């Protein structure tokens, strides 16, 4: 695909007919890029039993919605979604395609890229248009930021996590076009979904938490992780981590904050036993107050937070929990 003048696409997600905030955030950023390029924003929305969802995307800034509303699209299936989106892209030739860095997007984006024989820049923390009118996708690397530009292939493609971009104000008076898509044939599918099981998440959602406690390698072991989890519980906070905590098996990828994890915007962030590595810190967007606990006074994390506590987190955290409980008990008895 060699198109240099096409629209900007956003692959919209839906879960049980609800559009997640990341889709609106991507449409908002796509709108800014499209206005600069003097082109349009188009979204691809696949699902079933949806009615008002296309208009919601138009209100967020989309000009056209490619709307697949059929039982075959109800549950995300990579084969079906890839087949439908690739065929549509080959027909419509978008210039840029944006995808959310979600569990669905991280699987779907490379599948589409491979079939369209184009590139894909993953986990971007900014998307701008350069002086040549090309998408400049910025990612953290080598202790700073680097730009990745796809100068030859089309569409130019990128993924970004929720929280990287702001959700746009919705304009219910905006109008746009809705193009209905037919579902592809299911005869050749290699995988058939027999049952869908929804997992109920425990604790406070990282993306919506006003307080987030993050655990790093300095916690030492699984016992240190549990102590950090207790701190999050007593504060009614979201519990996150850095990559080492996942690699050690203390927790799973769903709790990881950073470039390849989740983006957060809490009122209060508390980093426990972590160094302040860029790949983690880029996941903290506009936190109002940041606190770090580390036993190394020269740790880079202290240059990035508002308050630093030089102490062994394995000793400090239990004391902090005790003081917080005492304070809460006093409030109850007053």
C-alpha atoms as a PDB file:
ATOM      1  CA  UNK A   1       0.000   0.000   0.000  1.00  0.00           C
ATOM      2  CA  UNK A   2       1.589   3.275  -1.130  1.00  0.00           C
ATOM      3  CA  UNK A   3      -1.153   5.738  -0.223  1.00  0.00           C
ATOM      4  CA  UNK A   4       0.128   9.088   1.098  1.00  0.00           C
ATOM      5  CA  UNK A   5      -3.150  10.974   1.229  1.00  0.00           C
ATOM      6  CA  UNK A   6      -5.631   8.650   2.909  1.00  0.00           C
ATOM      7  CA  UNK A   7      -7.557   8.990   6.171  1.00  0.00           C
ATOM      8  CA  UNK A   8      -6.408   8.215   9.685  1.00  0.00           C
ATOM      9  CA  UNK A   9      -7.969   5.074  11.067  1.00  0.00           C
ATOM     10  CA  UNK A  10      -8.635   4.063  14.667  1.00  0.00           C
ATOM     11  CA  UNK A  11      -9.465   0.453  15.451  1.00  0.00           C
ATOM     12  CA  UNK A  12     -12.244   0.891  17.980  1.00  0.00           C
ATOM     13  CA  UNK A  13     -12.770  -1.733  20.669  1.00  0.00           C
ATOM     14  CA  UNK A  14     -15.939  -2.764  22.436  1.00  0.00           C
ATOM     15  CA  UNK A  15     -16.456  -5.052  25.389  1.00  0.00           C
ATOM     16  CA  UNK A  16     -20.058  -6.143  25.953  1.00  0.00           C
ATOM     17  CA  UNK A  17     -21.094  -3.235  23.691  1.00  0.00           C
ATOM     18  CA  UNK A  18     -19.212  -0.723  25.871  1.00  0.00           C
ATOM     19  CA  UNK A  19     -16.478   1.306  24.216  1.00  0.00           C
ATOM     20  CA  UNK A  20     -13.405   1.643  26.469  1.00  0.00           C
ATOM     21  CA  UNK A  21     -11.911   5.050  27.143  1.00  0.00           C
ATOM     22  CA  UNK A  22      -8.736   4.247  25.204  1.00  0.00           C
ATOM     23  CA  UNK A  23     -10.716   4.241  21.950  1.00  0.00           C
ATOM     24  CA  UNK A  24     -11.989   7.769  22.616  1.00  0.00           C
ATOM     25  CA  UNK A  25      -8.457   8.877  23.535  1.00  0.00           C
ATOM     26  CA  UNK A  26      -7.070   7.546  20.257  1.00  0.00           C
ATOM     27  CA  UNK A  27      -9.838   9.205  18.250  1.00  0.00           C
ATOM     28  CA  UNK A  28      -9.052  12.489  19.991  1.00  0.00           C
ATOM     29  CA  UNK A  29      -5.375  12.230  19.022  1.00  0.00           C
ATOM     30  CA  UNK A  30      -6.270  11.082  15.515  1.00  0.00           C
ATOM     31  CA  UNK A  31      -8.458  14.176  15.173  1.00  0.00           C
ATOM     32  CA  UNK A  32      -5.481  16.422  15.988  1.00  0.00           C
ATOM     33  CA  UNK A  33      -3.239  14.621  13.490  1.00  0.00           C
ATOM     34  CA  UNK A  34      -5.941  14.620  10.799  1.00  0.00           C
ATOM     35  CA  UNK A  35      -6.566  18.348  11.166  1.00  0.00           C
ATOM     36  CA  UNK A  36      -2.854  18.965  10.673  1.00  0.00           C
ATOM     37  CA  UNK A  37      -2.786  16.735   7.585  1.00  0.00           C
ATOM     38  CA  UNK A  38      -6.145  18.063   6.324  1.00  0.00           C
ATOM     39  CA  UNK A  39      -7.626  14.583   6.121  1.00  0.00           C
ATOM     40  CA  UNK A  40     -10.398  12.647   7.843  1.00  0.00           C
ATOM     41  CA  UNK A  41     -10.683  10.351  10.870  1.00  0.00           C
ATOM     42  CA  UNK A  42     -12.312   6.975  10.361  1.00  0.00           C
ATOM     43  CA  UNK A  43     -12.964   4.235  12.908  1.00  0.00           C
ATOM     44  CA  UNK A  44     -13.549   0.516  12.470  1.00  0.00           C
ATOM     45  CA  UNK A  45     -16.001  -0.890  15.013  1.00  0.00           C
ATOM     46  CA  UNK A  46     -16.847  -4.602  15.121  1.00  0.00           C
ATOM     47  CA  UNK A  47     -19.363  -6.205  17.475  1.00  0.00           C
ATOM     48  CA  UNK A  48     -22.996  -7.202  17.781  1.00  0.00           C
ATOM     49  CA  UNK A  49     -26.241  -5.770  19.148  1.00  0.00           C
ATOM     50  CA  UNK A  50     -24.845  -2.228  19.074  1.00  0.00           C
ATOM     51  CA  UNK A  51     -26.922   0.856  18.321  1.00  0.00           C
ATOM     52  CA  UNK A  52     -25.623   4.149  19.706  1.00  0.00           C
ATOM     53  CA  UNK A  53     -21.915   3.257  19.695  1.00  0.00           C
ATOM     54  CA  UNK A  54     -21.100   4.599  16.195  1.00  0.00           C
ATOM     55  CA  UNK A  55     -22.567   7.998  17.086  1.00  0.00           C
ATOM     56  CA  UNK A  56     -20.436   8.056  20.248  1.00  0.00           C
ATOM     57  CA  UNK A  57     -17.333   7.700  18.090  1.00  0.00           C
ATOM     58  CA  UNK A  58     -18.534  10.444  15.769  1.00  0.00           C
ATOM     59  CA  UNK A  59     -19.127  12.695  18.772  1.00  0.00           C
ATOM     60  CA  UNK A  60     -15.506  12.055  19.813  1.00  0.00           C
ATOM     61  CA  UNK A  61     -14.183  13.265  16.457  1.00  0.00           C
ATOM     62  CA  UNK A  62     -14.592  10.519  13.842  1.00  0.00           C
ATOM     63  CA  UNK A  63     -15.917  11.434  10.386  1.00  0.00           C
ATOM     64  CA  UNK A  64     -16.796   7.923   9.214  1.00  0.00           C
ATOM     65  CA  UNK A  65     -17.495   4.642  11.009  1.00  0.00           C
ATOM     66  CA  UNK A  66     -17.023   1.278   9.336  1.00  0.00           C
ATOM     67  CA  UNK A  67     -19.568  -0.641  11.359  1.00  0.00           C
ATOM     68  CA  UNK A  68     -19.625  -4.428  11.572  1.00  0.00           C
ATOM     69  CA  UNK A  69     -22.688  -5.297  13.655  1.00  0.00           C
ATOM     70  CA  UNK A  70     -23.246  -9.046  13.384  1.00  0.00           C
ATOM     71  CA  UNK A  71     -23.199 -12.164  15.581  1.00  0.00           C
ATOM     72  CA  UNK A  72     -19.893 -13.201  13.970  1.00  0.00           C
ATOM     73  CA  UNK A  73     -18.259 -10.091  15.468  1.00  0.00           C
ATOM     74  CA  UNK A  74     -19.812 -10.317  18.940  1.00  0.00           C
ATOM     75  CA  UNK A  75     -16.770 -11.888  20.617  1.00  0.00           C
ATOM     76  CA  UNK A  76     -13.266 -10.902  19.591  1.00  0.00           C
ATOM     77  CA  UNK A  77     -11.704 -13.600  17.416  1.00  0.00           C
ATOM     78  CA  UNK A  78      -8.327 -12.738  15.861  1.00  0.00           C
ATOM     79  CA  UNK A  79      -8.935 -14.616  12.614  1.00  0.00           C
ATOM     80  CA  UNK A  80     -12.292 -12.971  11.915  1.00  0.00           C
ATOM     81  CA  UNK A  81     -11.232  -9.479  12.993  1.00  0.00           C
ATOM     82  CA  UNK A  82      -7.953  -9.643  11.056  1.00  0.00           C
ATOM     83  CA  UNK A  83      -9.669 -10.882   7.895  1.00  0.00           C
ATOM     84  CA  UNK A  84     -12.307  -8.143   7.984  1.00  0.00           C
ATOM     85  CA  UNK A  85      -9.940  -5.282   8.805  1.00  0.00           C
ATOM     86  CA  UNK A  86      -7.234  -6.295   6.312  1.00  0.00           C
ATOM     87  CA  UNK A  87      -9.760  -6.585   3.462  1.00  0.00           C
ATOM     88  CA  UNK A  88     -11.199  -3.176   4.320  1.00  0.00           C
ATOM     89  CA  UNK A  89      -7.753  -1.563   4.595  1.00  0.00           C
ATOM     90  CA  UNK A  90      -6.723  -2.940   1.202  1.00  0.00           C
ATOM     91  CA  UNK A  91      -9.862  -1.407  -0.274  1.00  0.00           C
ATOM     92  CA  UNK A  92      -9.815   1.976   1.482  1.00  0.00           C
ATOM     93  CA  UNK A  93      -6.033   2.524   1.863  1.00  0.00           C
ATOM     94  CA  UNK A  94      -5.720   4.490   5.118  1.00  0.00           C
ATOM     95  CA  UNK A  95      -2.575   6.550   5.581  1.00  0.00           C
ATOM     96  CA  UNK A  96      -2.274   5.947   9.347  1.00  0.00           C
ATOM     97  CA  UNK A  97      -3.806   3.284  11.591  1.00  0.00           C
ATOM     98  CA  UNK A  98      -3.891   3.634  15.401  1.00  0.00           C
ATOM     99  CA  UNK A  99      -4.570   0.730  17.756  1.00  0.00           C
ATOM    100  CA  UNK A 100      -4.939   0.594  21.517  1.00  0.00           C
ATOM    101  CA  UNK A 101      -2.202  -1.214  23.416  1.00  0.00           C
ATOM    102  CA  UNK A 102      -4.698  -3.523  25.108  1.00  0.00           C
ATOM    103  CA  UNK A 103      -4.854  -7.305  25.347  1.00  0.00           C
ATOM    104  CA  UNK A 104      -6.813  -7.294  22.086  1.00  0.00           C
ATOM    105  CA  UNK A 105      -4.778  -4.605  20.363  1.00  0.00           C
ATOM    106  CA  UNK A 106      -1.423  -6.177  21.196  1.00  0.00           C
ATOM    107  CA  UNK A 107      -2.515  -9.348  19.399  1.00  0.00           C
ATOM    108  CA  UNK A 108      -4.488  -7.798  16.555  1.00  0.00           C
ATOM    109  CA  UNK A 109      -2.043  -5.042  15.549  1.00  0.00           C
ATOM    110  CA  UNK A 110       0.884  -7.286  14.508  1.00  0.00           C
ATOM    111  CA  UNK A 111      -1.438  -9.727  12.727  1.00  0.00           C
ATOM    112  CA  UNK A 112      -2.749  -6.884  10.563  1.00  0.00           C
ATOM    113  CA  UNK A 113       0.743  -5.456  10.016  1.00  0.00           C
ATOM    114  CA  UNK A 114       2.054  -8.796   8.759  1.00  0.00           C
ATOM    115  CA  UNK A 115      -0.775  -9.248   6.261  1.00  0.00           C
ATOM    116  CA  UNK A 116      -0.525  -5.677   4.986  1.00  0.00           C
ATOM    117  CA  UNK A 117       3.289  -6.002   4.862  1.00  0.00           C
ATOM    118  CA  UNK A 118       3.798  -2.759   6.720  1.00  0.00           C
ATOM    119  CA  UNK A 119       5.465  -1.655   9.945  1.00  0.00           C
ATOM    120  CA  UNK A 120       4.191  -1.269  13.483  1.00  0.00           C
ATOM    121  CA  UNK A 121       5.531   0.893  16.300  1.00  0.00           C
ATOM    122  CA  UNK A 122       4.351  -0.454  19.655  1.00  0.00           C
ATOM    123  CA  UNK A 123       3.779   1.205  23.040  1.00  0.00           C
ATOM    124  CA  UNK A 124       4.117   4.808  21.820  1.00  0.00           C
ATOM    125  CA  UNK A 125       3.996   7.630  24.340  1.00  0.00           C
ATOM    126  CA  UNK A 126       3.486  10.357  21.730  1.00  0.00           C
ATOM    127  CA  UNK A 127       2.342  10.605  18.114  1.00  0.00           C
ATOM    128  CA  UNK A 128       3.056  13.705  16.024  1.00  0.00           C
ATOM    129  CA  UNK A 129       3.378  14.682  12.378  1.00  0.00           C
ATOM    130  CA  UNK A 130       6.896  15.592  11.257  1.00  0.00           C
ATOM    131  CA  UNK A 131       7.994  18.207   8.721  1.00  0.00           C
ATOM    132  CA  UNK A 132       7.534  15.709   5.879  1.00  0.00           C
ATOM    133  CA  UNK A 133       3.964  14.912   6.812  1.00  0.00           C
ATOM    134  CA  UNK A 134       4.851  11.479   8.206  1.00  0.00           C
ATOM    135  CA  UNK A 135       3.800   9.944  11.500  1.00  0.00           C
ATOM    136  CA  UNK A 136       6.541  10.393  14.091  1.00  0.00           C
ATOM    137  CA  UNK A 137       5.964   7.687  16.712  1.00  0.00           C
ATOM    138  CA  UNK A 138       7.932   8.254  19.898  1.00  0.00           C
ATOM    139  CA  UNK A 139       8.901   5.462  22.287  1.00  0.00           C
ATOM    140  CA  UNK A 140      11.203   5.343  25.333  1.00  0.00           C
ATOM    141  CA  UNK A 141      14.598   3.752  24.624  1.00  0.00           C
ATOM    142  CA  UNK A 142      18.264   4.074  25.572  1.00  0.00           C
ATOM    143  CA  UNK A 143      17.459   6.262  28.550  1.00  0.00           C
ATOM    144  CA  UNK A 144      15.475   8.780  26.469  1.00  0.00           C
ATOM    145  CA  UNK A 145      12.998   8.962  23.596  1.00  0.00           C
ATOM    146  CA  UNK A 146      13.510   7.850  20.016  1.00  0.00           C
ATOM    147  CA  UNK A 147      11.379   8.484  16.938  1.00  0.00           C
ATOM    148  CA  UNK A 148      10.290   5.723  14.592  1.00  0.00           C
ATOM    149  CA  UNK A 149       9.141   6.742  11.124  1.00  0.00           C
ATOM    150  CA  UNK A 150       7.718   4.433   8.456  1.00  0.00           C
ATOM    151  CA  UNK A 151       8.757   6.280   5.308  1.00  0.00           C
ATOM    152  CA  UNK A 152       7.867   3.650   2.700  1.00  0.00           C
ATOM    153  CA  UNK A 153       5.062   1.285   3.665  1.00  0.00           C
ATOM    154  CA  UNK A 154       1.417   2.157   4.301  1.00  0.00           C
ATOM    155  CA  UNK A 155      -0.486   2.401   6.458  1.00  0.00           C
ATOM    156  CA  UNK A 156       1.817   3.851   9.091  1.00  0.00           C
ATOM    157  CA  UNK A 157       0.787   1.996  12.229  1.00  0.00           C
ATOM    158  CA  UNK A 158       1.209   2.525  15.960  1.00  0.00           C
ATOM    159  CA  UNK A 159      -0.185   1.352  19.278  1.00  0.00           C
ATOM    160  CA  UNK A 160      -0.572   3.443  22.421  1.00  0.00           C
ATOM    161  CA  UNK A 161      -1.842   2.596  25.884  1.00  0.00           C
ATOM    162  CA  UNK A 162      -4.749   4.162  27.721  1.00  0.00           C
ATOM    163  CA  UNK A 163      -3.840   7.366  29.508  1.00  0.00           C
ATOM    164  CA  UNK A 164      -1.227   8.495  26.987  1.00  0.00           C
ATOM    165  CA  UNK A 165      -3.685  10.892  25.361  1.00  0.00           C
ATOM    166  CA  UNK A 166      -6.568  12.853  26.831  1.00  0.00           C
ATOM    167  CA  UNK A 167     -10.163  11.906  26.192  1.00  0.00           C
ATOM    168  CA  UNK A 168     -11.744  14.529  23.921  1.00  0.00           C
ATOM    169  CA  UNK A 169     -14.874  16.433  24.793  1.00  0.00           C
ATOM    170  CA  UNK A 170     -17.840  14.775  23.094  1.00  0.00           C
ATOM    171  CA  UNK A 171     -19.863  16.874  20.659  1.00  0.00           C
ATOM    172  CA  UNK A 172     -23.250  15.243  20.289  1.00  0.00           C
ATOM    173  CA  UNK A 173     -24.062  17.601  17.411  1.00  0.00           C
ATOM    174  CA  UNK A 174     -21.265  16.272  15.177  1.00  0.00           C
ATOM    175  CA  UNK A 175     -22.394  14.316  12.157  1.00  0.00           C
ATOM    176  CA  UNK A 176     -20.617  11.603  10.219  1.00  0.00           C
ATOM    177  CA  UNK A 177     -21.121   8.683   7.873  1.00  0.00           C
ATOM    178  CA  UNK A 178     -21.719   5.088   8.915  1.00  0.00           C
ATOM    179  CA  UNK A 179     -20.782   2.338   6.469  1.00  0.00           C
ATOM    180  CA  UNK A 180     -22.125  -1.109   7.353  1.00  0.00           C
ATOM    181  CA  UNK A 181     -19.720  -4.035   6.946  1.00  0.00           C
ATOM    182  CA  UNK A 182     -20.692  -7.606   6.147  1.00  0.00           C
ATOM    183  CA  UNK A 183     -19.222 -10.385   8.275  1.00  0.00           C
ATOM    184  CA  UNK A 184     -16.622 -12.581   6.552  1.00  0.00           C
ATOM    185  CA  UNK A 185     -17.134 -16.293   5.946  1.00  0.00           C
ATOM    186  CA  UNK A 186     -16.512 -18.503   8.976  1.00  0.00           C
ATOM    187  CA  UNK A 187     -16.015 -21.748   7.019  1.00  0.00           C
ATOM    188  CA  UNK A 188     -12.213 -21.723   7.122  1.00  0.00           C
ATOM    189  CA  UNK A 189     -11.656 -20.728  10.772  1.00  0.00           C
ATOM    190  CA  UNK A 190      -8.981 -22.756  12.546  1.00  0.00           C
ATOM    191  CA  UNK A 191     -10.292 -21.883  16.031  1.00  0.00           C
ATOM    192  CA  UNK A 192     -13.868 -22.059  17.287  1.00  0.00           C
ATOM    193  CA  UNK A 193     -14.924 -20.385  20.533  1.00  0.00           C
ATOM    194  CA  UNK A 194     -16.921 -22.790  22.674  1.00  0.00           C
ATOM    195  CA  UNK A 195     -17.318 -20.688  25.817  1.00  0.00           C
ATOM    196  CA  UNK A 196     -16.408 -17.252  27.109  1.00  0.00           C
ATOM    197  CA  UNK A 197     -15.452 -16.856  30.772  1.00  0.00           C
ATOM    198  CA  UNK A 198     -15.180 -13.364  32.281  1.00  0.00           C
ATOM    199  CA  UNK A 199     -12.629 -12.923  35.043  1.00  0.00           C
ATOM    200  CA  UNK A 200     -13.571 -10.572  37.859  1.00  0.00           C
ATOM    201  CA  UNK A 201     -10.622  -8.363  38.769  1.00  0.00           C
ATOM    202  CA  UNK A 202      -9.695  -8.102  42.428  1.00  0.00           C
ATOM    203  CA  UNK A 203      -8.750  -4.836  44.066  1.00  0.00           C
ATOM    204  CA  UNK A 204      -8.812  -1.307  42.678  1.00  0.00           C
ATOM    205  CA  UNK A 205      -8.355  -0.767  38.938  1.00  0.00           C
ATOM    206  CA  UNK A 206      -4.972   0.800  38.174  1.00  0.00           C
ATOM    207  CA  UNK A 207      -6.362   3.013  35.434  1.00  0.00           C
ATOM    208  CA  UNK A 208      -9.041   4.572  37.661  1.00  0.00           C
ATOM    209  CA  UNK A 209      -7.237   4.523  41.034  1.00  0.00           C
ATOM    210  CA  UNK A 210      -6.623   7.870  42.739  1.00  0.00           C
ATOM    211  CA  UNK A 211      -3.778   6.270  44.718  1.00  0.00           C
ATOM    212  CA  UNK A 212      -1.330   3.774  43.204  1.00  0.00           C
ATOM    213  CA  UNK A 213       1.328   1.774  45.026  1.00  0.00           C
ATOM    214  CA  UNK A 214       3.999   0.243  42.767  1.00  0.00           C
ATOM    215  CA  UNK A 215       6.430  -2.507  43.784  1.00  0.00           C
ATOM    216  CA  UNK A 216       9.910  -2.978  42.331  1.00  0.00           C
ATOM    217  CA  UNK A 217      12.784  -5.438  42.628  1.00  0.00           C
ATOM    218  CA  UNK A 218      13.856  -3.822  45.913  1.00  0.00           C
ATOM    219  CA  UNK A 219      10.997  -5.614  47.657  1.00  0.00           C
ATOM    220  CA  UNK A 220      13.349  -8.570  47.573  1.00  0.00           C
ATOM    221  CA  UNK A 221      10.999 -11.527  47.402  1.00  0.00           C
ATOM    222  CA  UNK A 222       7.386 -12.651  47.398  1.00  0.00           C
ATOM    223  CA  UNK A 223       7.028 -11.703  51.069  1.00  0.00           C
ATOM    224  CA  UNK A 224       8.115  -8.164  50.171  1.00  0.00           C
ATOM    225  CA  UNK A 225       5.488  -8.117  47.415  1.00  0.00           C
ATOM    226  CA  UNK A 226       2.798  -9.140  49.889  1.00  0.00           C
ATOM    227  CA  UNK A 227       3.869  -6.351  52.241  1.00  0.00           C
ATOM    228  CA  UNK A 228       3.523  -3.840  49.400  1.00  0.00           C
ATOM    229  CA  UNK A 229       0.112  -5.323  48.557  1.00  0.00           C
ATOM    230  CA  UNK A 230      -0.929  -4.802  52.190  1.00  0.00           C
ATOM    231  CA  UNK A 231       0.052  -1.129  51.883  1.00  0.00           C
ATOM    232  CA  UNK A 232      -2.114  -0.786  48.780  1.00  0.00           C
ATOM    233  CA  UNK A 233      -5.005  -2.477  50.568  1.00  0.00           C
ATOM    234  CA  UNK A 234      -4.907  -0.227  53.625  1.00  0.00           C
ATOM    235  CA  UNK A 235      -4.799   2.846  51.363  1.00  0.00           C
ATOM    236  CA  UNK A 236      -7.570   1.475  49.101  1.00  0.00           C
ATOM    237  CA  UNK A 237      -5.064   1.938  46.287  1.00  0.00           C
ATOM    238  CA  UNK A 238      -4.344   0.274  42.981  1.00  0.00           C
ATOM    239  CA  UNK A 239      -1.404  -2.151  43.122  1.00  0.00           C
ATOM    240  CA  UNK A 240       1.142  -2.014  40.310  1.00  0.00           C
ATOM    241  CA  UNK A 241       4.680  -3.122  39.649  1.00  0.00           C
ATOM    242  CA  UNK A 242       7.791  -2.905  37.487  1.00  0.00           C
ATOM    243  CA  UNK A 243       9.024  -5.612  35.109  1.00  0.00           C
ATOM    244  CA  UNK A 244      11.214  -7.466  37.688  1.00  0.00           C
ATOM    245  CA  UNK A 245       8.176  -8.220  39.860  1.00  0.00           C
ATOM    246  CA  UNK A 246       6.547  -9.948  36.875  1.00  0.00           C
ATOM    247  CA  UNK A 247       9.744 -11.762  35.877  1.00  0.00           C
ATOM    248  CA  UNK A 248      10.132 -13.088  39.424  1.00  0.00           C
ATOM    249  CA  UNK A 249       6.604 -14.491  39.320  1.00  0.00           C
ATOM    250  CA  UNK A 250       5.260 -12.361  42.163  1.00  0.00           C
ATOM    251  CA  UNK A 251       2.438 -11.009  40.002  1.00  0.00           C
ATOM    252  CA  UNK A 252       1.175 -10.949  36.406  1.00  0.00           C
ATOM    253  CA  UNK A 253       1.445  -8.594  33.451  1.00  0.00           C
ATOM    254  CA  UNK A 254      -1.905  -7.001  34.238  1.00  0.00           C
ATOM    255  CA  UNK A 255      -0.295  -5.131  37.153  1.00  0.00           C
ATOM    256  CA  UNK A 256       2.744  -3.835  35.267  1.00  0.00           C
ATOM    257  CA  UNK A 257       3.037  -0.064  34.817  1.00  0.00           C
ATOM    258  CA  UNK A 258       5.143   1.414  32.059  1.00  0.00           C
ATOM    259  CA  UNK A 259       5.907   1.387  28.362  1.00  0.00           C
ATOM    260  CA  UNK A 260       4.745  -2.200  27.817  1.00  0.00           C
ATOM    261  CA  UNK A 261       2.229  -2.097  30.673  1.00  0.00           C
ATOM    262  CA  UNK A 262      -0.489   0.251  31.880  1.00  0.00           C
ATOM    263  CA  UNK A 263      -0.581   4.028  31.960  1.00  0.00           C
ATOM    264  CA  UNK A 264      -1.793   5.642  35.186  1.00  0.00           C
ATOM    265  CA  UNK A 265      -2.725   9.169  36.290  1.00  0.00           C
ATOM    266  CA  UNK A 266      -3.186   8.988  40.082  1.00  0.00           C
ATOM    267  CA  UNK A 267      -3.482  11.740  42.629  1.00  0.00           C
ATOM    268  CA  UNK A 268      -0.786   9.964  44.679  1.00  0.00           C
ATOM    269  CA  UNK A 269       1.882   7.538  43.450  1.00  0.00           C
ATOM    270  CA  UNK A 270       4.075   5.570  45.894  1.00  0.00           C
ATOM    271  CA  UNK A 271       7.022   3.679  44.420  1.00  0.00           C
ATOM    272  CA  UNK A 272       8.343   0.938  46.728  1.00  0.00           C
ATOM    273  CA  UNK A 273      11.807  -0.502  46.134  1.00  0.00           C
ATOM    274  CA  UNK A 274      12.151   0.628  42.541  1.00  0.00           C
ATOM    275  CA  UNK A 275      14.956   2.475  40.773  1.00  0.00           C
ATOM    276  CA  UNK A 276      12.998   4.865  38.563  1.00  0.00           C
ATOM    277  CA  UNK A 277      13.792   3.177  35.244  1.00  0.00           C
ATOM    278  CA  UNK A 278      12.415   5.145  32.288  1.00  0.00           C
ATOM    279  CA  UNK A 279      10.430   2.177  30.964  1.00  0.00           C
ATOM    280  CA  UNK A 280       8.395   2.241  34.180  1.00  0.00           C
ATOM    281  CA  UNK A 281       8.245   5.977  34.804  1.00  0.00           C
ATOM    282  CA  UNK A 282       6.785   6.789  31.357  1.00  0.00           C
ATOM    283  CA  UNK A 283       3.672   4.952  32.510  1.00  0.00           C
ATOM    284  CA  UNK A 284       2.951   7.594  35.150  1.00  0.00           C
ATOM    285  CA  UNK A 285       1.101  10.429  33.458  1.00  0.00           C
ATOM    286  CA  UNK A 286       0.528  13.690  35.345  1.00  0.00           C
ATOM    287  CA  UNK A 287       0.564  12.208  38.859  1.00  0.00           C
ATOM    288  CA  UNK A 288      -0.019  15.079  41.278  1.00  0.00           C
ATOM    289  CA  UNK A 289       2.193  13.793  44.120  1.00  0.00           C
ATOM    290  CA  UNK A 290       4.937  11.178  43.773  1.00  0.00           C
ATOM    291  CA  UNK A 291       6.724   9.412  46.631  1.00  0.00           C
ATOM    292  CA  UNK A 292       9.533   6.854  46.492  1.00  0.00           C
ATOM    293  CA  UNK A 293      11.043   4.498  49.080  1.00  0.00           C
ATOM    294  CA  UNK A 294      14.551   3.208  48.293  1.00  0.00           C
ATOM    295  CA  UNK A 295      17.563   2.361  50.433  1.00  0.00           C
ATOM    296  CA  UNK A 296      20.011   3.836  47.890  1.00  0.00           C
ATOM    297  CA  UNK A 297      20.270   7.634  48.285  1.00  0.00           C
ATOM    298  CA  UNK A 298      21.768   7.855  44.808  1.00  0.00           C
ATOM    299  CA  UNK A 299      18.873   6.079  43.114  1.00  0.00           C
ATOM    300  CA  UNK A 300      17.613   7.891  39.972  1.00  0.00           C
ATOM    301  CA  UNK A 301      14.048   7.613  41.259  1.00  0.00           C
ATOM    302  CA  UNK A 302      14.695  10.399  43.770  1.00  0.00           C
ATOM    303  CA  UNK A 303      15.256  12.836  40.894  1.00  0.00           C
ATOM    304  CA  UNK A 304      11.770  12.122  39.551  1.00  0.00           C
ATOM    305  CA  UNK A 305       9.553  12.275  42.637  1.00  0.00           C
ATOM    306  CA  UNK A 306       8.288  14.970  44.989  1.00  0.00           C
ATOM    307  CA  UNK A 307       9.230  13.152  48.194  1.00  0.00           C
ATOM    308  CA  UNK A 308      11.949  10.560  48.727  1.00  0.00           C
ATOM    309  CA  UNK A 309      12.412   8.220  51.689  1.00  0.00           C
ATOM    310  CA  UNK A 310      15.853   6.618  52.022  1.00  0.00           C
ATOM    311  CA  UNK A 311      15.181   3.376  53.877  1.00  0.00           C
ATOM    312  CA  UNK A 312      14.862  -0.368  53.374  1.00  0.00           C
ATOM    313  CA  UNK A 313      11.328  -0.751  52.041  1.00  0.00           C
ATOM    314  CA  UNK A 314      11.005  -4.167  53.683  1.00  0.00           C
ATOM    315  CA  UNK A 315      11.342  -2.495  57.068  1.00  0.00           C
ATOM    316  CA  UNK A 316       9.696   0.841  56.260  1.00  0.00           C
ATOM    317  CA  UNK A 317       6.478  -0.435  54.636  1.00  0.00           C
ATOM    318  CA  UNK A 318       5.242  -2.469  57.667  1.00  0.00           C
ATOM    319  CA  UNK A 319       5.854   0.560  59.888  1.00  0.00           C
ATOM    320  CA  UNK A 320       3.985   2.799  57.452  1.00  0.00           C
ATOM    321  CA  UNK A 321       1.053   0.373  57.391  1.00  0.00           C
ATOM    322  CA  UNK A 322       0.965   0.361  61.188  1.00  0.00           C
ATOM    323  CA  UNK A 323       0.909   4.179  61.361  1.00  0.00           C
ATOM    324  CA  UNK A 324      -1.812   4.419  58.712  1.00  0.00           C
ATOM    325  CA  UNK A 325      -4.000   1.935  60.609  1.00  0.00           C
ATOM    326  CA  UNK A 326      -3.468   3.828  63.846  1.00  0.00           C
ATOM    327  CA  UNK A 327      -4.449   7.066  62.118  1.00  0.00           C
ATOM    328  CA  UNK A 328      -7.575   5.496  60.639  1.00  0.00           C
ATOM    329  CA  UNK A 329      -8.593   4.067  64.013  1.00  0.00           C
ATOM    330  CA  UNK A 330      -8.272   7.518  65.611  1.00  0.00           C
ATOM    331  CA  UNK A 331     -10.506   9.010  62.944  1.00  0.00           C
ATOM    332  CA  UNK A 332     -13.154   6.369  63.607  1.00  0.00           C
ATOM    333  CA  UNK A 333     -13.133   6.949  67.401  1.00  0.00           C
ATOM    334  CA  UNK A 334     -13.211  10.754  67.124  1.00  0.00           C
END
